[in-house]
Amino acid sequence: MRMQAYFSFLESHPWFHRLVNEAETLAPRAHAVYFADISSGYLRSLKRAMERGELKGYTDDDLEPIAYMLLSVRTYLAQRYVYKNGKVKPVPDRVLKTYAEFIRRALFVESDGGTG
């Protein structure tokens, strides 16, 4: 799962989260390039899932906001569950399970057409 890979990366590179956050102010062009690259990867993955018929009830226009939602989820989960007192700790299994179930329900279950 991508989320587990991200958290494992943070364990090996504990400075990464801080670098990305501070880059917005200290290196805005590099930060913009980073976010363009990372969001385009998410977008490509979502488009492939849509082409395979795995995402139902969404349009092409929905995919970019979904990509950014997924990016924000990983950032805030890392902040809450991985970083503590300047150190990186393993993410609790329950967090990964909850995330996986949320994604399954939000993206991969056929929509009833509601906006709820």
PDB file of N, CA and C in Angstrom:
ATOM      1  N   MET A   1       0.852  -1.172   0.000  1.00  0.00           N
ATOM      2  CA  MET A   1       0.000   0.000   0.000  1.00  0.00           C
ATOM      3  C   MET A   1       0.901   1.240   0.000  1.00  0.00           C
ATOM      4  N   ARG A   2       0.485   2.226  -0.759  1.00  0.00           N
ATOM      5  CA  ARG A   2       1.269   3.463  -0.871  1.00  0.00           C
ATOM      6  C   ARG A   2       1.461   4.164   0.468  1.00  0.00           C
ATOM      7  N   MET A   3       0.434   4.147   1.283  1.00  0.00           N
ATOM      8  CA  MET A   3       0.520   4.844   2.556  1.00  0.00           C
ATOM      9  C   MET A   3       1.588   4.207   3.444  1.00  0.00           C
ATOM     10  N   GLN A   4       1.628   2.887   3.492  1.00  0.00           N
ATOM     11  CA  GLN A   4       2.654   2.202   4.281  1.00  0.00           C
ATOM     12  C   GLN A   4       4.038   2.535   3.737  1.00  0.00           C
ATOM     13  N   ALA A   5       4.178   2.573   2.425  1.00  0.00           N
ATOM     14  CA  ALA A   5       5.468   2.918   1.811  1.00  0.00           C
ATOM     15  C   ALA A   5       5.888   4.332   2.202  1.00  0.00           C
ATOM     16  N   TYR A   6       4.945   5.261   2.225  1.00  0.00           N
ATOM     17  CA  TYR A   6       5.252   6.635   2.617  1.00  0.00           C
ATOM     18  C   TYR A   6       5.739   6.693   4.061  1.00  0.00           C
ATOM     19  N   PHE A   7       5.039   6.015   4.952  1.00  0.00           N
ATOM     20  CA  PHE A   7       5.440   6.025   6.351  1.00  0.00           C
ATOM     21  C   PHE A   7       6.789   5.331   6.547  1.00  0.00           C
ATOM     22  N   SER A   8       7.043   4.273   5.813  1.00  0.00           N
ATOM     23  CA  SER A   8       8.351   3.613   5.879  1.00  0.00           C
ATOM     24  C   SER A   8       9.451   4.550   5.390  1.00  0.00           C
ATOM     25  N   PHE A   9       9.164   5.296   4.331  1.00  0.00           N
ATOM     26  CA  PHE A   9      10.112   6.284   3.831  1.00  0.00           C
ATOM     27  C   PHE A   9      10.420   7.315   4.910  1.00  0.00           C
ATOM     28  N   LEU A  10       9.398   7.762   5.615  1.00  0.00           N
ATOM     29  CA  LEU A  10       9.609   8.760   6.671  1.00  0.00           C
ATOM     30  C   LEU A  10      10.485   8.208   7.802  1.00  0.00           C
ATOM     31  N   GLU A  11      10.348   6.924   8.088  1.00  0.00           N
ATOM     32  CA  GLU A  11      11.191   6.325   9.118  1.00  0.00           C
ATOM     33  C   GLU A  11      12.663   6.377   8.715  1.00  0.00           C
ATOM     34  N   SER A  12      12.940   6.184   7.434  1.00  0.00           N
ATOM     35  CA  SER A  12      14.311   6.225   6.924  1.00  0.00           C
ATOM     36  C   SER A  12      14.805   7.643   6.675  1.00  0.00           C
ATOM     37  N   HIS A  13      13.879   8.564   6.447  1.00  0.00           N
ATOM     38  CA  HIS A  13      14.211   9.954   6.130  1.00  0.00           C
ATOM     39  C   HIS A  13      13.373  10.882   7.011  1.00  0.00           C
ATOM     40  N   PRO A  14      13.668  10.928   8.300  1.00  0.00           N
ATOM     41  CA  PRO A  14      12.820  11.677   9.235  1.00  0.00           C
ATOM     42  C   PRO A  14      12.755  13.175   8.962  1.00  0.00           C
ATOM     43  N   TRP A  15      13.672  13.698   8.213  1.00  0.00           N
ATOM     44  CA  TRP A  15      13.724  15.121   7.889  1.00  0.00           C
ATOM     45  C   TRP A  15      12.771  15.493   6.763  1.00  0.00           C
ATOM     46  N   PHE A  16      12.246  14.509   6.021  1.00  0.00           N
ATOM     47  CA  PHE A  16      11.499  14.782   4.792  1.00  0.00           C
ATOM     48  C   PHE A  16      10.250  15.627   5.023  1.00  0.00           C
ATOM     49  N   HIS A  17       9.460  15.270   5.984  1.00  0.00           N
ATOM     50  CA  HIS A  17       8.201  15.972   6.252  1.00  0.00           C
ATOM     51  C   HIS A  17       8.464  17.451   6.541  1.00  0.00           C
ATOM     52  N   ARG A  18       9.473  17.713   7.359  1.00  0.00           N
ATOM     53  CA  ARG A  18       9.824  19.091   7.683  1.00  0.00           C
ATOM     54  C   ARG A  18      10.334  19.829   6.446  1.00  0.00           C
ATOM     55  N   LEU A  19      11.140  19.166   5.651  1.00  0.00           N
ATOM     56  CA  LEU A  19      11.664  19.770   4.428  1.00  0.00           C
ATOM     57  C   LEU A  19      10.537  20.227   3.505  1.00  0.00           C
ATOM     58  N   VAL A  20       9.567  19.358   3.294  1.00  0.00           N
ATOM     59  CA  VAL A  20       8.445  19.704   2.408  1.00  0.00           C
ATOM     60  C   VAL A  20       7.650  20.871   2.985  1.00  0.00           C
ATOM     61  N   ASN A  21       7.383  20.844   4.276  1.00  0.00           N
ATOM     62  CA  ASN A  21       6.612  21.924   4.891  1.00  0.00           C
ATOM     63  C   ASN A  21       7.346  23.259   4.848  1.00  0.00           C
ATOM     64  N   GLU A  22       8.622  23.256   5.136  1.00  0.00           N
ATOM     65  CA  GLU A  22       9.380  24.501   5.144  1.00  0.00           C
ATOM     66  C   GLU A  22       9.687  24.997   3.733  1.00  0.00           C
ATOM     67  N   ALA A  23       9.727  24.101   2.764  1.00  0.00           N
ATOM     68  CA  ALA A  23      10.031  24.494   1.388  1.00  0.00           C
ATOM     69  C   ALA A  23       8.995  25.452   0.824  1.00  0.00           C
ATOM     70  N   GLU A  24       7.774  25.352   1.284  1.00  0.00           N
ATOM     71  CA  GLU A  24       6.741  26.256   0.783  1.00  0.00           C
ATOM     72  C   GLU A  24       7.141  27.716   0.996  1.00  0.00           C
ATOM     73  N   THR A  25       7.799  28.000   2.107  1.00  0.00           N
ATOM     74  CA  THR A  25       8.237  29.357   2.412  1.00  0.00           C
ATOM     75  C   THR A  25       9.661  29.623   1.933  1.00  0.00           C
ATOM     76  N   LEU A  26      10.559  28.668   2.143  1.00  0.00           N
ATOM     77  CA  LEU A  26      11.984  28.891   1.884  1.00  0.00           C
ATOM     78  C   LEU A  26      12.410  28.618   0.439  1.00  0.00           C
ATOM     79  N   ALA A  27      11.676  27.767  -0.243  1.00  0.00           N
ATOM     80  CA  ALA A  27      12.001  27.427  -1.641  1.00  0.00           C
ATOM     81  C   ALA A  27      10.699  27.221  -2.417  1.00  0.00           C
ATOM     82  N   PRO A  28       9.912  28.290  -2.597  1.00  0.00           N
ATOM     83  CA  PRO A  28       8.571  28.134  -3.162  1.00  0.00           C
ATOM     84  C   PRO A  28       8.538  27.508  -4.559  1.00  0.00           C
ATOM     85  N   ARG A  29       9.518  27.807  -5.403  1.00  0.00           N
ATOM     86  CA  ARG A  29       9.511  27.194  -6.746  1.00  0.00           C
ATOM     87  C   ARG A  29       9.740  25.690  -6.672  1.00  0.00           C
ATOM     88  N   ALA A  30      10.707  25.285  -5.862  1.00  0.00           N
ATOM     89  CA  ALA A  30      10.963  23.850  -5.694  1.00  0.00           C
ATOM     90  C   ALA A  30       9.747  23.160  -5.081  1.00  0.00           C
ATOM     91  N   HIS A  31       9.106  23.814  -4.134  1.00  0.00           N
ATOM     92  CA  HIS A  31       7.906  23.271  -3.507  1.00  0.00           C
ATOM     93  C   HIS A  31       6.797  23.078  -4.544  1.00  0.00           C
ATOM     94  N   ALA A  32       6.622  24.060  -5.413  1.00  0.00           N
ATOM     95  CA  ALA A  32       5.592  23.967  -6.461  1.00  0.00           C
ATOM     96  C   ALA A  32       5.892  22.814  -7.413  1.00  0.00           C
ATOM     97  N   VAL A  33       7.158  22.645  -7.772  1.00  0.00           N
ATOM     98  CA  VAL A  33       7.539  21.542  -8.660  1.00  0.00           C
ATOM     99  C   VAL A  33       7.279  20.204  -7.977  1.00  0.00           C
ATOM    100  N   TYR A  34       7.658  20.108  -6.711  1.00  0.00           N
ATOM    101  CA  TYR A  34       7.426  18.882  -5.956  1.00  0.00           C
ATOM    102  C   TYR A  34       5.939  18.529  -5.947  1.00  0.00           C
ATOM    103  N   PHE A  35       5.091  19.501  -5.625  1.00  0.00           N
ATOM    104  CA  PHE A  35       3.662  19.208  -5.551  1.00  0.00           C
ATOM    105  C   PHE A  35       3.074  18.905  -6.922  1.00  0.00           C
ATOM    106  N   ALA A  36       3.567  19.542  -7.953  1.00  0.00           N
ATOM    107  CA  ALA A  36       3.102  19.218  -9.307  1.00  0.00           C
ATOM    108  C   ALA A  36       3.466  17.774  -9.651  1.00  0.00           C
ATOM    109  N   ASP A  37       4.682  17.370  -9.312  1.00  0.00           N
ATOM    110  CA  ASP A  37       5.121  15.997  -9.603  1.00  0.00           C
ATOM    111  C   ASP A  37       4.330  14.972  -8.801  1.00  0.00           C
ATOM    112  N   ILE A  38       4.205  15.201  -7.516  1.00  0.00           N
ATOM    113  CA  ILE A  38       3.545  14.214  -6.655  1.00  0.00           C
ATOM    114  C   ILE A  38       2.055  14.131  -6.965  1.00  0.00           C
ATOM    115  N   SER A  39       1.413  15.268  -7.204  1.00  0.00           N
ATOM    116  CA  SER A  39      -0.020  15.242  -7.500  1.00  0.00           C
ATOM    117  C   SER A  39      -0.287  14.621  -8.872  1.00  0.00           C
ATOM    118  N   SER A  40       0.614  14.839  -9.823  1.00  0.00           N
ATOM    119  CA  SER A  40       0.405  14.231 -11.148  1.00  0.00           C
ATOM    120  C   SER A  40       0.517  12.710 -11.071  1.00  0.00           C
ATOM    121  N   GLY A  41       1.372  12.208 -10.176  1.00  0.00           N
ATOM    122  CA  GLY A  41       1.455  10.757  -9.981  1.00  0.00           C
ATOM    123  C   GLY A  41       0.165  10.188  -9.417  1.00  0.00           C
ATOM    124  N   TYR A  42      -0.392  10.864  -8.439  1.00  0.00           N
ATOM    125  CA  TYR A  42      -1.682  10.440  -7.886  1.00  0.00           C
ATOM    126  C   TYR A  42      -2.756  10.495  -8.972  1.00  0.00           C
ATOM    127  N   LEU A  43      -2.752  11.556  -9.750  1.00  0.00           N
ATOM    128  CA  LEU A  43      -3.747  11.734 -10.803  1.00  0.00           C
ATOM    129  C   LEU A  43      -3.655  10.612 -11.831  1.00  0.00           C
ATOM    130  N   ARG A  44      -2.437  10.255 -12.235  1.00  0.00           N
ATOM    131  CA  ARG A  44      -2.260   9.145 -13.188  1.00  0.00           C
ATOM    132  C   ARG A  44      -2.813   7.842 -12.623  1.00  0.00           C
ATOM    133  N   SER A  45      -2.538   7.584 -11.344  1.00  0.00           N
ATOM    134  CA  SER A  45      -3.044   6.359 -10.714  1.00  0.00           C
ATOM    135  C   SER A  45      -4.568   6.342 -10.669  1.00  0.00           C
ATOM    136  N   LEU A  46      -5.148   7.470 -10.335  1.00  0.00           N
ATOM    137  CA  LEU A  46      -6.609   7.555 -10.298  1.00  0.00           C
ATOM    138  C   LEU A  46      -7.209   7.379 -11.689  1.00  0.00           C
ATOM    139  N   LYS A  47      -6.577   7.958 -12.697  1.00  0.00           N
ATOM    140  CA  LYS A  47      -7.073   7.800 -14.082  1.00  0.00           C
ATOM    141  C   LYS A  47      -7.006   6.344 -14.511  1.00  0.00           C
ATOM    142  N   ARG A  48      -5.913   5.657 -14.170  1.00  0.00           N
ATOM    143  CA  ARG A  48      -5.813   4.230 -14.515  1.00  0.00           C
ATOM    144  C   ARG A  48      -6.911   3.434 -13.822  1.00  0.00           C
ATOM    145  N   ALA A  49      -7.179   3.749 -12.567  1.00  0.00           N
ATOM    146  CA  ALA A  49      -8.244   3.048 -11.839  1.00  0.00           C
ATOM    147  C   ALA A  49      -9.595   3.320 -12.487  1.00  0.00           C
ATOM    148  N   MET A  50      -9.801   4.553 -12.932  1.00  0.00           N
ATOM    149  CA  MET A  50     -11.057   4.889 -13.599  1.00  0.00           C
ATOM    150  C   MET A  50     -11.183   4.132 -14.932  1.00  0.00           C
ATOM    151  N   GLU A  51     -10.089   4.059 -15.678  1.00  0.00           N
ATOM    152  CA  GLU A  51     -10.098   3.340 -16.959  1.00  0.00           C
ATOM    153  C   GLU A  51     -10.373   1.854 -16.763  1.00  0.00           C
ATOM    154  N   ARG A  52      -9.933   1.284 -15.647  1.00  0.00           N
ATOM    155  CA  ARG A  52     -10.197  -0.129 -15.348  1.00  0.00           C
ATOM    156  C   ARG A  52     -11.607  -0.346 -14.805  1.00  0.00           C
ATOM    157  N   GLY A  53     -12.350   0.743 -14.620  1.00  0.00           N
ATOM    158  CA  GLY A  53     -13.702   0.632 -14.096  1.00  0.00           C
ATOM    159  C   GLY A  53     -13.766   0.491 -12.594  1.00  0.00           C
ATOM    160  N   GLU A  54     -12.679   0.806 -11.891  1.00  0.00           N
ATOM    161  CA  GLU A  54     -12.631   0.653 -10.446  1.00  0.00           C
ATOM    162  C   GLU A  54     -13.213   1.844  -9.695  1.00  0.00           C
ATOM    163  N   LEU A  55     -13.234   3.006 -10.305  1.00  0.00           N
ATOM    164  CA  LEU A  55     -13.809   4.205  -9.681  1.00  0.00           C
ATOM    165  C   LEU A  55     -15.134   4.486 -10.351  1.00  0.00           C
ATOM    166  N   LYS A  56     -16.192   4.312  -9.626  1.00  0.00           N
ATOM    167  CA  LYS A  56     -17.528   4.531 -10.192  1.00  0.00           C
ATOM    168  C   LYS A  56     -18.154   5.761  -9.558  1.00  0.00           C
ATOM    169  N   GLY A  57     -18.867   6.510 -10.353  1.00  0.00           N
ATOM    170  CA  GLY A  57     -19.569   7.665  -9.832  1.00  0.00           C
ATOM    171  C   GLY A  57     -18.726   8.931  -9.804  1.00  0.00           C
ATOM    172  N   TYR A  58     -17.520   8.874 -10.373  1.00  0.00           N
ATOM    173  CA  TYR A  58     -16.652  10.044 -10.442  1.00  0.00           C
ATOM    174  C   TYR A  58     -16.407  10.402 -11.903  1.00  0.00           C
ATOM    175  N   THR A  59     -16.095  11.671 -12.139  1.00  0.00           N
ATOM    176  CA  THR A  59     -15.752  12.135 -13.478  1.00  0.00           C
ATOM    177  C   THR A  59     -14.270  12.483 -13.514  1.00  0.00           C
ATOM    178  N   ASP A  60     -13.745  12.733 -14.705  1.00  0.00           N
ATOM    179  CA  ASP A  60     -12.350  13.173 -14.839  1.00  0.00           C
ATOM    180  C   ASP A  60     -12.098  14.433 -14.021  1.00  0.00           C
ATOM    181  N   ASP A  61     -13.077  15.329 -13.974  1.00  0.00           N
ATOM    182  CA  ASP A  61     -12.919  16.575 -13.223  1.00  0.00           C
ATOM    183  C   ASP A  61     -12.827  16.341 -11.709  1.00  0.00           C
ATOM    184  N   ASP A  62     -13.316  15.215 -11.238  1.00  0.00           N
ATOM    185  CA  ASP A  62     -13.257  14.890  -9.814  1.00  0.00           C
ATOM    186  C   ASP A  62     -11.866  14.424  -9.376  1.00  0.00           C
ATOM    187  N   LEU A  63     -11.056  13.965 -10.318  1.00  0.00           N
ATOM    188  CA  LEU A  63      -9.812  13.286  -9.951  1.00  0.00           C
ATOM    189  C   LEU A  63      -8.762  14.200  -9.331  1.00  0.00           C
ATOM    190  N   GLU A  64      -8.615  15.414  -9.827  1.00  0.00           N
ATOM    191  CA  GLU A  64      -7.600  16.298  -9.239  1.00  0.00           C
ATOM    192  C   GLU A  64      -7.920  16.630  -7.781  1.00  0.00           C
ATOM    193  N   PRO A  65      -9.151  17.031  -7.449  1.00  0.00           N
ATOM    194  CA  PRO A  65      -9.424  17.271  -6.026  1.00  0.00           C
ATOM    195  C   PRO A  65      -9.218  16.023  -5.163  1.00  0.00           C
ATOM    196  N   ILE A  66      -9.549  14.854  -5.705  1.00  0.00           N
ATOM    197  CA  ILE A  66      -9.330  13.615  -4.957  1.00  0.00           C
ATOM    198  C   ILE A  66      -7.838  13.411  -4.715  1.00  0.00           C
ATOM    199  N   ALA A  67      -7.014  13.670  -5.729  1.00  0.00           N
ATOM    200  CA  ALA A  67      -5.562  13.528  -5.569  1.00  0.00           C
ATOM    201  C   ALA A  67      -5.059  14.413  -4.430  1.00  0.00           C
ATOM    202  N   TYR A  68      -5.521  15.648  -4.385  1.00  0.00           N
ATOM    203  CA  TYR A  68      -5.081  16.544  -3.315  1.00  0.00           C
ATOM    204  C   TYR A  68      -5.631  16.133  -1.956  1.00  0.00           C
ATOM    205  N   MET A  69      -6.822  15.570  -1.921  1.00  0.00           N
ATOM    206  CA  MET A  69      -7.353  15.060  -0.658  1.00  0.00           C
ATOM    207  C   MET A  69      -6.464  13.937  -0.128  1.00  0.00           C
ATOM    208  N   LEU A  70      -6.054  13.045  -1.026  1.00  0.00           N
ATOM    209  CA  LEU A  70      -5.198  11.942  -0.611  1.00  0.00           C
ATOM    210  C   LEU A  70      -3.842  12.439  -0.115  1.00  0.00           C
ATOM    211  N   LEU A  71      -3.307  13.452  -0.786  1.00  0.00           N
ATOM    212  CA  LEU A  71      -2.044  14.045  -0.338  1.00  0.00           C
ATOM    213  C   LEU A  71      -2.180  14.653   1.056  1.00  0.00           C
ATOM    214  N   SER A  72      -3.260  15.344   1.286  1.00  0.00           N
ATOM    215  CA  SER A  72      -3.432  15.984   2.591  1.00  0.00           C
ATOM    216  C   SER A  72      -3.631  14.946   3.690  1.00  0.00           C
ATOM    217  N   VAL A  73      -4.312  13.856   3.382  1.00  0.00           N
ATOM    218  CA  VAL A  73      -4.517  12.803   4.376  1.00  0.00           C
ATOM    219  C   VAL A  73      -3.172  12.257   4.839  1.00  0.00           C
ATOM    220  N   ARG A  74      -2.292  11.952   3.908  1.00  0.00           N
ATOM    221  CA  ARG A  74      -1.006  11.368   4.314  1.00  0.00           C
ATOM    222  C   ARG A  74      -0.186  12.358   5.135  1.00  0.00           C
ATOM    223  N   THR A  75      -0.252  13.630   4.787  1.00  0.00           N
ATOM    224  CA  THR A  75       0.497  14.643   5.525  1.00  0.00           C
ATOM    225  C   THR A  75       0.013  14.728   6.968  1.00  0.00           C
ATOM    226  N   TYR A  76      -1.292  14.813   7.144  1.00  0.00           N
ATOM    227  CA  TYR A  76      -1.818  14.985   8.493  1.00  0.00           C
ATOM    228  C   TYR A  76      -1.759  13.701   9.317  1.00  0.00           C
ATOM    229  N   LEU A  77      -1.885  12.553   8.678  1.00  0.00           N
ATOM    230  CA  LEU A  77      -1.700  11.310   9.435  1.00  0.00           C
ATOM    231  C   LEU A  77      -0.253  11.189   9.910  1.00  0.00           C
ATOM    232  N   ALA A  78       0.684  11.583   9.068  1.00  0.00           N
ATOM    233  CA  ALA A  78       2.091  11.562   9.489  1.00  0.00           C
ATOM    234  C   ALA A  78       2.309  12.505  10.665  1.00  0.00           C
ATOM    235  N   GLN A  79       1.749  13.691  10.573  1.00  0.00           N
ATOM    236  CA  GLN A  79       1.905  14.660  11.657  1.00  0.00           C
ATOM    237  C   GLN A  79       1.365  14.134  12.977  1.00  0.00           C
ATOM    238  N   ARG A  80       0.225  13.483  12.900  1.00  0.00           N
ATOM    239  CA  ARG A  80      -0.433  13.017  14.124  1.00  0.00           C
ATOM    240  C   ARG A  80       0.151  11.714  14.671  1.00  0.00           C
ATOM    241  N   TYR A  81       0.458  10.751  13.791  1.00  0.00           N
ATOM    242  CA  TYR A  81       0.786   9.410  14.264  1.00  0.00           C
ATOM    243  C   TYR A  81       2.238   8.984  14.086  1.00  0.00           C
ATOM    244  N   VAL A  82       3.030   9.703  13.315  1.00  0.00           N
ATOM    245  CA  VAL A  82       4.392   9.266  13.035  1.00  0.00           C
ATOM    246  C   VAL A  82       5.427  10.137  13.741  1.00  0.00           C
ATOM    247  N   TYR A  83       5.199  11.434  13.776  1.00  0.00           N
ATOM    248  CA  TYR A  83       6.160  12.346  14.395  1.00  0.00           C
ATOM    249  C   TYR A  83       5.784  12.621  15.846  1.00  0.00           C
ATOM    250  N   LYS A  84       6.773  12.440  16.718  1.00  0.00           N
ATOM    251  CA  LYS A  84       6.550  12.727  18.136  1.00  0.00           C
ATOM    252  C   LYS A  84       7.861  13.226  18.736  1.00  0.00           C
ATOM    253  N   ASN A  85       7.818  14.437  19.262  1.00  0.00           N
ATOM    254  CA  ASN A  85       8.984  15.041  19.894  1.00  0.00           C
ATOM    255  C   ASN A  85      10.218  15.029  18.989  1.00  0.00           C
ATOM    256  N   GLY A  86      10.007  15.323  17.708  1.00  0.00           N
ATOM    257  CA  GLY A  86      11.111  15.392  16.759  1.00  0.00           C
ATOM    258  C   GLY A  86      11.620  14.055  16.271  1.00  0.00           C
ATOM    259  N   LYS A  87      10.967  12.988  16.664  1.00  0.00           N
ATOM    260  CA  LYS A  87      11.378  11.649  16.242  1.00  0.00           C
ATOM    261  C   LYS A  87      10.268  11.002  15.422  1.00  0.00           C
ATOM    262  N   VAL A  88      10.665  10.002  14.642  1.00  0.00           N
ATOM    263  CA  VAL A  88       9.710   9.260  13.816  1.00  0.00           C
ATOM    264  C   VAL A  88       9.479   7.903  14.460  1.00  0.00           C
ATOM    265  N   LYS A  89       8.213   7.541  14.573  1.00  0.00           N
ATOM    266  CA  LYS A  89       7.875   6.221  15.110  1.00  0.00           C
ATOM    267  C   LYS A  89       7.010   5.504  14.080  1.00  0.00           C
ATOM    268  N   PRO A  90       6.944   4.198  14.142  1.00  0.00           N
ATOM    269  CA  PRO A  90       6.103   3.462  13.191  1.00  0.00           C
ATOM    270  C   PRO A  90       4.636   3.849  13.330  1.00  0.00           C
ATOM    271  N   VAL A  91       3.948   3.893  12.219  1.00  0.00           N
ATOM    272  CA  VAL A  91       2.524   4.215  12.242  1.00  0.00           C
ATOM    273  C   VAL A  91       1.765   3.019  12.824  1.00  0.00           C
ATOM    274  N   PRO A  92       0.803   3.271  13.686  1.00  0.00           N
ATOM    275  CA  PRO A  92       0.020   2.159  14.236  1.00  0.00           C
ATOM    276  C   PRO A  92      -0.761   1.427  13.132  1.00  0.00           C
ATOM    277  N   ASP A  93      -0.809   0.122  13.238  1.00  0.00           N
ATOM    278  CA  ASP A  93      -1.536  -0.691  12.255  1.00  0.00           C
ATOM    279  C   ASP A  93      -2.985  -0.252  12.111  1.00  0.00           C
ATOM    280  N   ARG A  94      -3.610   0.121  13.223  1.00  0.00           N
ATOM    281  CA  ARG A  94      -5.021   0.524  13.174  1.00  0.00           C
ATOM    282  C   ARG A  94      -5.225   1.739  12.282  1.00  0.00           C
ATOM    283  N   VAL A  95      -4.226   2.634  12.230  1.00  0.00           N
ATOM    284  CA  VAL A  95      -4.330   3.817  11.378  1.00  0.00           C
ATOM    285  C   VAL A  95      -4.324   3.397   9.910  1.00  0.00           C
ATOM    286  N   LEU A  96      -3.428   2.485   9.553  1.00  0.00           N
ATOM    287  CA  LEU A  96      -3.379   2.003   8.168  1.00  0.00           C
ATOM    288  C   LEU A  96      -4.655   1.257   7.793  1.00  0.00           C
ATOM    289  N   LYS A  97      -5.175   0.461   8.713  1.00  0.00           N
ATOM    290  CA  LYS A  97      -6.418  -0.276   8.436  1.00  0.00           C
ATOM    291  C   LYS A  97      -7.590   0.676   8.252  1.00  0.00           C
ATOM    292  N   THR A  98      -7.670   1.682   9.105  1.00  0.00           N
ATOM    293  CA  THR A  98      -8.749   2.666   8.993  1.00  0.00           C
ATOM    294  C   THR A  98      -8.639   3.429   7.678  1.00  0.00           C
ATOM    295  N   TYR A  99      -7.424   3.827   7.328  1.00  0.00           N
ATOM    296  CA  TYR A  99      -7.204   4.537   6.059  1.00  0.00           C
ATOM    297  C   TYR A  99      -7.632   3.668   4.870  1.00  0.00           C
ATOM    298  N   ALA A 100      -7.191   2.419   4.851  1.00  0.00           N
ATOM    299  CA  ALA A 100      -7.519   1.514   3.745  1.00  0.00           C
ATOM    300  C   ALA A 100      -9.034   1.323   3.623  1.00  0.00           C
ATOM    301  N   GLU A 101      -9.708   1.165   4.729  1.00  0.00           N
ATOM    302  CA  GLU A 101     -11.167   0.996   4.705  1.00  0.00           C
ATOM    303  C   GLU A 101     -11.856   2.266   4.237  1.00  0.00           C
ATOM    304  N   PHE A 102     -11.386   3.405   4.686  1.00  0.00           N
ATOM    305  CA  PHE A 102     -11.941   4.691   4.252  1.00  0.00           C
ATOM    306  C   PHE A 102     -11.801   4.844   2.729  1.00  0.00           C
ATOM    307  N   ILE A 103     -10.619   4.571   2.207  1.00  0.00           N
ATOM    308  CA  ILE A 103     -10.386   4.691   0.757  1.00  0.00           C
ATOM    309  C   ILE A 103     -11.277   3.712   0.002  1.00  0.00           C
ATOM    310  N   ARG A 104     -11.361   2.489   0.490  1.00  0.00           N
ATOM    311  CA  ARG A 104     -12.207   1.488  -0.177  1.00  0.00           C
ATOM    312  C   ARG A 104     -13.655   1.966  -0.253  1.00  0.00           C
ATOM    313  N   ARG A 105     -14.160   2.476   0.847  1.00  0.00           N
ATOM    314  CA  ARG A 105     -15.554   2.934   0.872  1.00  0.00           C
ATOM    315  C   ARG A 105     -15.756   4.212   0.065  1.00  0.00           C
ATOM    316  N   ALA A 106     -14.809   5.125   0.138  1.00  0.00           N
ATOM    317  CA  ALA A 106     -14.964   6.432  -0.522  1.00  0.00           C
ATOM    318  C   ALA A 106     -14.753   6.357  -2.029  1.00  0.00           C
ATOM    319  N   LEU A 107     -13.833   5.535  -2.470  1.00  0.00           N
ATOM    320  CA  LEU A 107     -13.475   5.545  -3.893  1.00  0.00           C
ATOM    321  C   LEU A 107     -13.929   4.320  -4.665  1.00  0.00           C
ATOM    322  N   PHE A 108     -14.025   3.178  -4.029  1.00  0.00           N
ATOM    323  CA  PHE A 108     -14.210   1.954  -4.789  1.00  0.00           C
ATOM    324  C   PHE A 108     -15.558   1.275  -4.584  1.00  0.00           C
ATOM    325  N   VAL A 109     -16.505   1.967  -3.979  1.00  0.00           N
ATOM    326  CA  VAL A 109     -17.856   1.452  -3.836  1.00  0.00           C
ATOM    327  C   VAL A 109     -18.751   2.262  -4.767  1.00  0.00           C
ATOM    328  N   GLU A 110     -19.601   1.579  -5.493  1.00  0.00           N
ATOM    329  CA  GLU A 110     -20.449   2.258  -6.473  1.00  0.00           C
ATOM    330  C   GLU A 110     -21.278   3.356  -5.813  1.00  0.00           C
ATOM    331  N   SER A 111     -21.258   4.500  -6.448  1.00  0.00           N
ATOM    332  CA  SER A 111     -21.986   5.672  -5.954  1.00  0.00           C
ATOM    333  C   SER A 111     -23.486   5.502  -6.138  1.00  0.00           C
ATOM    334  N   ASP A 112     -24.253   6.057  -5.195  1.00  0.00           N
ATOM    335  CA  ASP A 112     -25.713   6.051  -5.345  1.00  0.00           C
ATOM    336  C   ASP A 112     -26.202   7.346  -5.980  1.00  0.00           C
ATOM    337  N   GLY A 113     -25.236   8.210  -6.375  1.00  0.00           N
ATOM    338  CA  GLY A 113     -25.604   9.459  -7.030  1.00  0.00           C
ATOM    339  C   GLY A 113     -25.814  10.611  -6.068  1.00  0.00           C
ATOM    340  N   GLY A 114     -25.739  10.344  -4.759  1.00  0.00           N
ATOM    341  CA  GLY A 114     -25.943  11.414  -3.774  1.00  0.00           C
ATOM    342  C   GLY A 114     -24.720  12.292  -3.646  1.00  0.00           C
ATOM    343  N   THR A 115     -24.885  13.425  -2.991  1.00  0.00           N
ATOM    344  CA  THR A 115     -23.771  14.357  -2.815  1.00  0.00           C
ATOM    345  C   THR A 115     -23.366  14.453  -1.359  1.00  0.00           C
ATOM    346  N   GLY A 116     -23.864  13.585  -0.531  1.00  0.00           N
ATOM    347  CA  GLY A 116     -23.753  13.602   0.843  1.00  0.00           C
ATOM    348  C   GLY A 116     -22.608  13.636   1.633  1.00  0.00           C
TER     349      GLY A 116
END
